[in-house]
Structures are given as structure tokens and as C-alpha cells.
Amino acid sequence: MKLVILPQAQSDLHAVPDALFPRLWKRIEALGHYPRLGAPLEGPFGEHRSTVSVSYRIVYWETAHAVVICYISGIAAEPEHELRHPKALL
């Protein structure tokens, strides 16, 4: 299936670090062969699907002849809990 990458997604790809880009790109290419790889979204984005690779969410939809990549968003890491020495609590 043809891959169409919208301008926003193209811009998002330019922000991906070089070390992560190959793995992310492999996932995007896989969508061309397996467009239902991602999970369907709900609500107003119900026609879209989403998949995750190397801390990036790829949001896309499928047409009869193409997979359209809408945007690619970095997934923020969960904030670490601040560790304090027990004496600091006194």
C-alpha cells in the first residue's frame, strides 16, 4: 500500500534524533504492508489509528489505496519521583 506523509508529519520526522530515525522509519514502512498494525483511536479521531515506536506515536489513517501519516509525536517520559534523603524530611 502507498505511504502518504502529510507536511506536518514530514516536519515531525525532521525533529527525530538521527539515532532513532531508522527504527521509527521501519515502523512507518511496516504500516504500508500492515495498515492495521496500530490501534484504532476513539471519539472524534475514530477513523485514525496509532502505533508507537522508539518513544514516538505515529497517527495515521487508511484509505483504499494508501496509509496517510498525519503526525508523529514524541511521547514524554513519565516524570521521575524525586528522591529525598530521610533527614531532609525532619
C-alpha atoms as a PDB file:
ATOM      1  CA  MET A   1       0.000   0.000   0.000  1.00  0.00           C
ATOM      2  CA  LYS A   2       1.231   3.506  -0.785  1.00  0.00           C
ATOM      3  CA  LEU A   3       2.504   5.709   2.071  1.00  0.00           C
ATOM      4  CA  VAL A   4       1.499   9.370   2.088  1.00  0.00           C
ATOM      5  CA  ILE A   5       3.260  11.562   4.628  1.00  0.00           C
ATOM      6  CA  LEU A   6       1.460  14.830   5.274  1.00  0.00           C
ATOM      7  CA  PRO A   7       3.509  18.040   5.699  1.00  0.00           C
ATOM      8  CA  GLN A   8       3.058  18.056   9.500  1.00  0.00           C
ATOM      9  CA  ALA A   9       4.401  14.502   9.731  1.00  0.00           C
ATOM     10  CA  GLN A  10       7.314  15.420   7.441  1.00  0.00           C
ATOM     11  CA  SER A  11       8.166  18.276   9.772  1.00  0.00           C
ATOM     12  CA  ASP A  12       7.849  15.958  12.773  1.00  0.00           C
ATOM     13  CA  LEU A  13      10.255  13.478  11.178  1.00  0.00           C
ATOM     14  CA  HIS A  14      12.920  16.167  10.860  1.00  0.00           C
ATOM     15  CA  ALA A  15      12.862  16.570  14.655  1.00  0.00           C
ATOM     16  CA  VAL A  16      13.540  12.879  15.346  1.00  0.00           C
ATOM     17  CA  PRO A  17      17.126  12.252  16.510  1.00  0.00           C
ATOM     18  CA  ASP A  18      19.327  10.507  13.946  1.00  0.00           C
ATOM     19  CA  ALA A  19      19.914   7.551  16.276  1.00  0.00           C
ATOM     20  CA  LEU A  20      16.168   6.809  16.492  1.00  0.00           C
ATOM     21  CA  PHE A  21      15.146   7.600  12.937  1.00  0.00           C
ATOM     22  CA  PRO A  22      15.934   4.175  11.322  1.00  0.00           C
ATOM     23  CA  ARG A  23      13.754   2.245  13.781  1.00  0.00           C
ATOM     24  CA  LEU A  24      10.934   4.772  13.503  1.00  0.00           C
ATOM     25  CA  TRP A  25      11.126   4.684   9.706  1.00  0.00           C
ATOM     26  CA  LYS A  26      10.947   0.860   9.689  1.00  0.00           C
ATOM     27  CA  ARG A  27       7.685   1.089  11.646  1.00  0.00           C
ATOM     28  CA  ILE A  28       6.307   3.616   9.141  1.00  0.00           C
ATOM     29  CA  GLU A  29       7.278   1.343   6.241  1.00  0.00           C
ATOM     30  CA  ALA A  30       5.608  -1.596   8.022  1.00  0.00           C
ATOM     31  CA  LEU A  31       2.340   0.368   8.015  1.00  0.00           C
ATOM     32  CA  GLY A  32       2.412   0.202   4.213  1.00  0.00           C
ATOM     33  CA  HIS A  33       2.287  -3.595   4.455  1.00  0.00           C
ATOM     34  CA  TYR A  34       0.212  -3.905   7.636  1.00  0.00           C
ATOM     35  CA  PRO A  35      -2.006  -0.820   7.887  1.00  0.00           C
ATOM     36  CA  ARG A  36      -3.981  -2.252  10.809  1.00  0.00           C
ATOM     37  CA  LEU A  37      -0.818  -2.603  12.874  1.00  0.00           C
ATOM     38  CA  GLY A  38      -1.845   0.329  15.064  1.00  0.00           C
ATOM     39  CA  ALA A  39      -4.743   0.528  17.457  1.00  0.00           C
ATOM     40  CA  PRO A  40      -7.856   2.488  16.446  1.00  0.00           C
ATOM     41  CA  LEU A  41      -8.420   5.792  18.203  1.00  0.00           C
ATOM     42  CA  GLU A  42     -11.736   6.723  19.768  1.00  0.00           C
ATOM     43  CA  GLY A  43     -14.004   9.745  19.781  1.00  0.00           C
ATOM     44  CA  PRO A  44     -13.597  12.416  17.117  1.00  0.00           C
ATOM     45  CA  PHE A  45     -10.433  10.674  15.872  1.00  0.00           C
ATOM     46  CA  GLY A  46     -12.209   7.355  15.427  1.00  0.00           C
ATOM     47  CA  GLU A  47     -11.110   6.997  11.796  1.00  0.00           C
ATOM     48  CA  HIS A  48      -7.456   7.283  12.790  1.00  0.00           C
ATOM     49  CA  ARG A  49      -5.084   4.655  14.118  1.00  0.00           C
ATOM     50  CA  SER A  50      -1.989   4.973  16.279  1.00  0.00           C
ATOM     51  CA  THR A  51       1.165   2.943  16.778  1.00  0.00           C
ATOM     52  CA  VAL A  52       4.258   3.552  18.887  1.00  0.00           C
ATOM     53  CA  SER A  53       7.918   3.117  18.026  1.00  0.00           C
ATOM     54  CA  VAL A  54      11.005   4.288  19.930  1.00  0.00           C
ATOM     55  CA  SER A  55       9.069   6.739  22.119  1.00  0.00           C
ATOM     56  CA  TYR A  56       7.145   8.270  19.203  1.00  0.00           C
ATOM     57  CA  ARG A  57       3.451   7.927  18.434  1.00  0.00           C
ATOM     58  CA  ILE A  58       2.546   7.685  14.744  1.00  0.00           C
ATOM     59  CA  VAL A  59      -1.024   8.787  13.999  1.00  0.00           C
ATOM     60  CA  TYR A  60      -2.440   7.800  10.618  1.00  0.00           C
ATOM     61  CA  TRP A  61      -5.495   6.702   8.697  1.00  0.00           C
ATOM     62  CA  GLU A  62      -6.038   4.169   5.955  1.00  0.00           C
ATOM     63  CA  THR A  63      -7.725   4.738   2.609  1.00  0.00           C
ATOM     64  CA  ALA A  64      -8.458   2.155  -0.078  1.00  0.00           C
ATOM     65  CA  HIS A  65      -5.025   2.735  -1.653  1.00  0.00           C
ATOM     66  CA  ALA A  66      -2.818   4.455   0.909  1.00  0.00           C
ATOM     67  CA  VAL A  67      -1.769   4.864   4.503  1.00  0.00           C
ATOM     68  CA  VAL A  68      -1.760   8.567   5.334  1.00  0.00           C
ATOM     69  CA  ILE A  69       0.625   9.572   8.125  1.00  0.00           C
ATOM     70  CA  CYS A  70      -0.862  12.625   9.881  1.00  0.00           C
ATOM     71  CA  TYR A  71       1.698  13.396  12.531  1.00  0.00           C
ATOM     72  CA  ILE A  72       4.419  11.904  14.684  1.00  0.00           C
ATOM     73  CA  SER A  73       4.550  12.913  18.309  1.00  0.00           C
ATOM     74  CA  GLY A  74       7.230  12.288  20.926  1.00  0.00           C
ATOM     75  CA  ILE A  75       5.882  10.537  23.981  1.00  0.00           C
ATOM     76  CA  ALA A  76       7.011  12.350  27.118  1.00  0.00           C
ATOM     77  CA  ALA A  77       8.669  10.162  29.675  1.00  0.00           C
ATOM     78  CA  GLU A  78       6.907   9.761  32.952  1.00  0.00           C
ATOM     79  CA  PRO A  79       8.402  12.191  35.460  1.00  0.00           C
ATOM     80  CA  GLU A  80      10.653  10.518  37.943  1.00  0.00           C
ATOM     81  CA  HIS A  81       9.713  10.717  41.559  1.00  0.00           C
ATOM     82  CA  GLU A  82      12.022  12.995  43.461  1.00  0.00           C
ATOM     83  CA  LEU A  83      14.086  11.011  45.913  1.00  0.00           C
ATOM     84  CA  ARG A  84      14.920  12.701  49.194  1.00  0.00           C
ATOM     85  CA  HIS A  85      17.198  11.674  51.956  1.00  0.00           C
ATOM     86  CA  PRO A  86      15.137  10.811  55.064  1.00  0.00           C
ATOM     87  CA  LYS A  87      16.974  13.521  57.072  1.00  0.00           C
ATOM     88  CA  ALA A  88      15.670  16.153  54.673  1.00  0.00           C
ATOM     89  CA  LEU A  89      12.146  15.374  55.882  1.00  0.00           C
ATOM     90  CA  LEU A  90      12.970  16.318  59.504  1.00  0.00           C
END
